[in-house]
Amino acid sequence: MNTPKPGFVAGILFVLMSGAMLGSAQAADVEPTVISQRGDPDRWFQEEMTPMAYFKTLKKEAEAVYQLSAIDCKRMERSQQSSCLRDAKATMQQDIADAYRKSGIRAR
């Protein structure tokens, strides 16, 4: 049975990996598909840059961090889980309070 030489295999792997990386780089350069149709107003496709939009973004980030923290807390020993979750929730609430302050939106 003929086995390929290690240098040959390494060369083939190099060529395959190079092609894969080149293909992924080209895919990243592709512009997103525009889904607008004739007659659609431009305002439908402009990002909302209001204080409320900024607040919603900050709030969404705080909630996402809380979810990740909760997952980590649930992996801890049972005796530490409740205090970890309490700390994570307190941090989220502080982050949301900061979001109100940063965006200028009044807290409810």
C-alpha atoms as a PDB file:
ATOM      1  CA  MET A   1       0.000   0.000   0.000  1.00  0.00           C
ATOM      2  CA  ASN A   2       1.351   3.429  -0.964  1.00  0.00           C
ATOM      3  CA  THR A   3       1.134   6.082   1.741  1.00  0.00           C
ATOM      4  CA  PRO A   4       1.540   9.728   0.751  1.00  0.00           C
ATOM      5  CA  LYS A   5       4.597  11.567   1.999  1.00  0.00           C
ATOM      6  CA  PRO A   6       3.991  13.949   4.937  1.00  0.00           C
ATOM      7  CA  GLY A   7       5.148  16.970   2.928  1.00  0.00           C
ATOM      8  CA  PHE A   8       2.648  16.196   0.189  1.00  0.00           C
ATOM      9  CA  VAL A   9      -0.234  15.925   2.656  1.00  0.00           C
ATOM     10  CA  ALA A  10       0.813  19.177   4.342  1.00  0.00           C
ATOM     11  CA  GLY A  11       0.933  20.900   0.947  1.00  0.00           C
ATOM     12  CA  ILE A  12      -2.544  19.706   0.042  1.00  0.00           C
ATOM     13  CA  LEU A  13      -3.899  20.853   3.417  1.00  0.00           C
ATOM     14  CA  PHE A  14      -2.245  24.253   2.933  1.00  0.00           C
ATOM     15  CA  VAL A  15      -3.853  24.703  -0.485  1.00  0.00           C
ATOM     16  CA  LEU A  16      -7.288  23.644   0.816  1.00  0.00           C
ATOM     17  CA  MET A  17      -7.105  25.932   3.854  1.00  0.00           C
ATOM     18  CA  SER A  18      -5.886  28.855   1.734  1.00  0.00           C
ATOM     19  CA  GLY A  19      -8.788  28.392  -0.640  1.00  0.00           C
ATOM     20  CA  ALA A  20     -11.255  28.207   2.226  1.00  0.00           C
ATOM     21  CA  MET A  21      -9.912  31.398   3.822  1.00  0.00           C
ATOM     22  CA  LEU A  22      -9.908  33.220   0.485  1.00  0.00           C
ATOM     23  CA  GLY A  23     -13.496  32.160  -0.137  1.00  0.00           C
ATOM     24  CA  SER A  24     -14.624  33.367   3.291  1.00  0.00           C
ATOM     25  CA  ALA A  25     -12.836  36.707   2.809  1.00  0.00           C
ATOM     26  CA  GLN A  26     -14.599  37.211  -0.506  1.00  0.00           C
ATOM     27  CA  ALA A  27     -17.945  36.305   1.038  1.00  0.00           C
ATOM     28  CA  ALA A  28     -17.432  38.967   3.713  1.00  0.00           C
ATOM     29  CA  ASP A  29     -16.951  41.632   1.029  1.00  0.00           C
ATOM     30  CA  VAL A  30     -20.383  41.003  -0.489  1.00  0.00           C
ATOM     31  CA  GLU A  31     -22.880  43.814   0.072  1.00  0.00           C
ATOM     32  CA  PRO A  32     -26.089  42.824   1.841  1.00  0.00           C
ATOM     33  CA  THR A  33     -29.053  42.301  -0.426  1.00  0.00           C
ATOM     34  CA  VAL A  34     -31.270  45.348  -0.666  1.00  0.00           C
ATOM     35  CA  ILE A  35     -34.861  44.347  -0.110  1.00  0.00           C
ATOM     36  CA  SER A  36     -36.429  47.686  -0.880  1.00  0.00           C
ATOM     37  CA  GLN A  37     -38.821  47.937  -3.727  1.00  0.00           C
ATOM     38  CA  ARG A  38     -39.773  50.839  -5.926  1.00  0.00           C
ATOM     39  CA  GLY A  39     -41.925  53.275  -4.000  1.00  0.00           C
ATOM     40  CA  ASP A  40     -40.557  52.379  -0.538  1.00  0.00           C
ATOM     41  CA  PRO A  41     -39.684  55.557   1.374  1.00  0.00           C
ATOM     42  CA  ASP A  42     -36.010  55.968   2.297  1.00  0.00           C
ATOM     43  CA  ARG A  43     -36.919  56.496   5.956  1.00  0.00           C
ATOM     44  CA  TRP A  44     -37.843  52.817   6.214  1.00  0.00           C
ATOM     45  CA  PHE A  45     -34.203  51.895   5.694  1.00  0.00           C
ATOM     46  CA  GLN A  46     -32.512  54.480   7.936  1.00  0.00           C
ATOM     47  CA  GLU A  47     -31.318  53.502  11.377  1.00  0.00           C
ATOM     48  CA  GLU A  48     -33.250  55.135  14.192  1.00  0.00           C
ATOM     49  CA  MET A  49     -30.870  57.436  16.074  1.00  0.00           C
ATOM     50  CA  THR A  50     -33.115  58.675  18.862  1.00  0.00           C
ATOM     51  CA  PRO A  51     -32.530  58.634  22.616  1.00  0.00           C
ATOM     52  CA  MET A  52     -35.174  55.901  22.938  1.00  0.00           C
ATOM     53  CA  ALA A  53     -33.405  53.737  20.336  1.00  0.00           C
ATOM     54  CA  TYR A  54     -30.112  54.224  22.193  1.00  0.00           C
ATOM     55  CA  PHE A  55     -31.794  53.258  25.471  1.00  0.00           C
ATOM     56  CA  LYS A  56     -33.333  50.137  23.908  1.00  0.00           C
ATOM     57  CA  THR A  57     -29.921  49.069  22.612  1.00  0.00           C
ATOM     58  CA  LEU A  58     -28.291  49.524  26.023  1.00  0.00           C
ATOM     59  CA  LYS A  59     -31.158  47.689  27.725  1.00  0.00           C
ATOM     60  CA  LYS A  60     -30.939  44.793  25.272  1.00  0.00           C
ATOM     61  CA  GLU A  61     -27.197  44.525  25.948  1.00  0.00           C
ATOM     62  CA  ALA A  62     -27.752  44.545  29.734  1.00  0.00           C
ATOM     63  CA  GLU A  63     -30.357  41.798  29.434  1.00  0.00           C
ATOM     64  CA  ALA A  64     -28.063  39.708  27.208  1.00  0.00           C
ATOM     65  CA  VAL A  65     -25.245  39.998  29.747  1.00  0.00           C
ATOM     66  CA  TYR A  66     -27.671  38.925  32.477  1.00  0.00           C
ATOM     67  CA  GLN A  67     -28.700  35.855  30.495  1.00  0.00           C
ATOM     68  CA  LEU A  68     -25.069  34.830  30.007  1.00  0.00           C
ATOM     69  CA  SER A  69     -24.367  35.422  33.698  1.00  0.00           C
ATOM     70  CA  ALA A  70     -27.399  33.348  34.678  1.00  0.00           C
ATOM     71  CA  ILE A  71     -26.126  30.464  32.569  1.00  0.00           C
ATOM     72  CA  ASP A  72     -22.755  30.691  34.310  1.00  0.00           C
ATOM     73  CA  CYS A  73     -24.451  30.878  37.721  1.00  0.00           C
ATOM     74  CA  LYS A  74     -26.415  27.718  37.030  1.00  0.00           C
ATOM     75  CA  ARG A  75     -23.153  25.868  36.410  1.00  0.00           C
ATOM     76  CA  MET A  76     -21.916  26.734  39.892  1.00  0.00           C
ATOM     77  CA  GLU A  77     -22.397  24.677  43.009  1.00  0.00           C
ATOM     78  CA  ARG A  78     -25.976  24.696  44.196  1.00  0.00           C
ATOM     79  CA  SER A  79     -25.099  26.576  47.371  1.00  0.00           C
ATOM     80  CA  GLN A  80     -23.676  29.510  45.394  1.00  0.00           C
ATOM     81  CA  GLN A  81     -26.302  29.744  42.652  1.00  0.00           C
ATOM     82  CA  SER A  82     -28.839  31.968  44.394  1.00  0.00           C
ATOM     83  CA  SER A  83     -26.301  34.597  45.482  1.00  0.00           C
ATOM     84  CA  CYS A  84     -24.741  34.573  42.011  1.00  0.00           C
ATOM     85  CA  LEU A  85     -28.138  35.070  40.357  1.00  0.00           C
ATOM     86  CA  ARG A  86     -28.987  37.840  42.820  1.00  0.00           C
ATOM     87  CA  ASP A  87     -25.713  39.628  42.010  1.00  0.00           C
ATOM     88  CA  ALA A  88     -26.278  39.202  38.280  1.00  0.00           C
ATOM     89  CA  LYS A  89     -29.782  40.654  38.561  1.00  0.00           C
ATOM     90  CA  ALA A  90     -28.519  43.593  40.642  1.00  0.00           C
ATOM     91  CA  THR A  91     -25.861  44.265  38.005  1.00  0.00           C
ATOM     92  CA  MET A  92     -28.493  44.178  35.247  1.00  0.00           C
ATOM     93  CA  GLN A  93     -30.699  46.599  37.150  1.00  0.00           C
ATOM     94  CA  GLN A  94     -27.737  48.943  37.645  1.00  0.00           C
ATOM     95  CA  ASP A  95     -26.891  48.692  33.929  1.00  0.00           C
ATOM     96  CA  ILE A  96     -30.488  49.562  33.011  1.00  0.00           C
ATOM     97  CA  ALA A  97     -30.412  52.527  35.405  1.00  0.00           C
ATOM     98  CA  ASP A  98     -27.186  53.649  33.701  1.00  0.00           C
ATOM     99  CA  ALA A  99     -28.904  53.216  30.323  1.00  0.00           C
ATOM    100  CA  TYR A 100     -31.658  55.611  31.413  1.00  0.00           C
ATOM    101  CA  ARG A 101     -29.023  58.119  32.536  1.00  0.00           C
ATOM    102  CA  LYS A 102     -26.859  57.806  29.393  1.00  0.00           C
ATOM    103  CA  SER A 103     -29.783  58.066  26.976  1.00  0.00           C
ATOM    104  CA  GLY A 104     -31.564  60.890  28.783  1.00  0.00           C
ATOM    105  CA  ILE A 105     -34.775  58.897  29.007  1.00  0.00           C
ATOM    106  CA  ARG A 106     -36.674  59.289  32.276  1.00  0.00           C
ATOM    107  CA  ALA A 107     -37.103  56.095  34.277  1.00  0.00           C
ATOM    108  CA  ARG A 108     -40.644  54.835  34.634  1.00  0.00           C
END
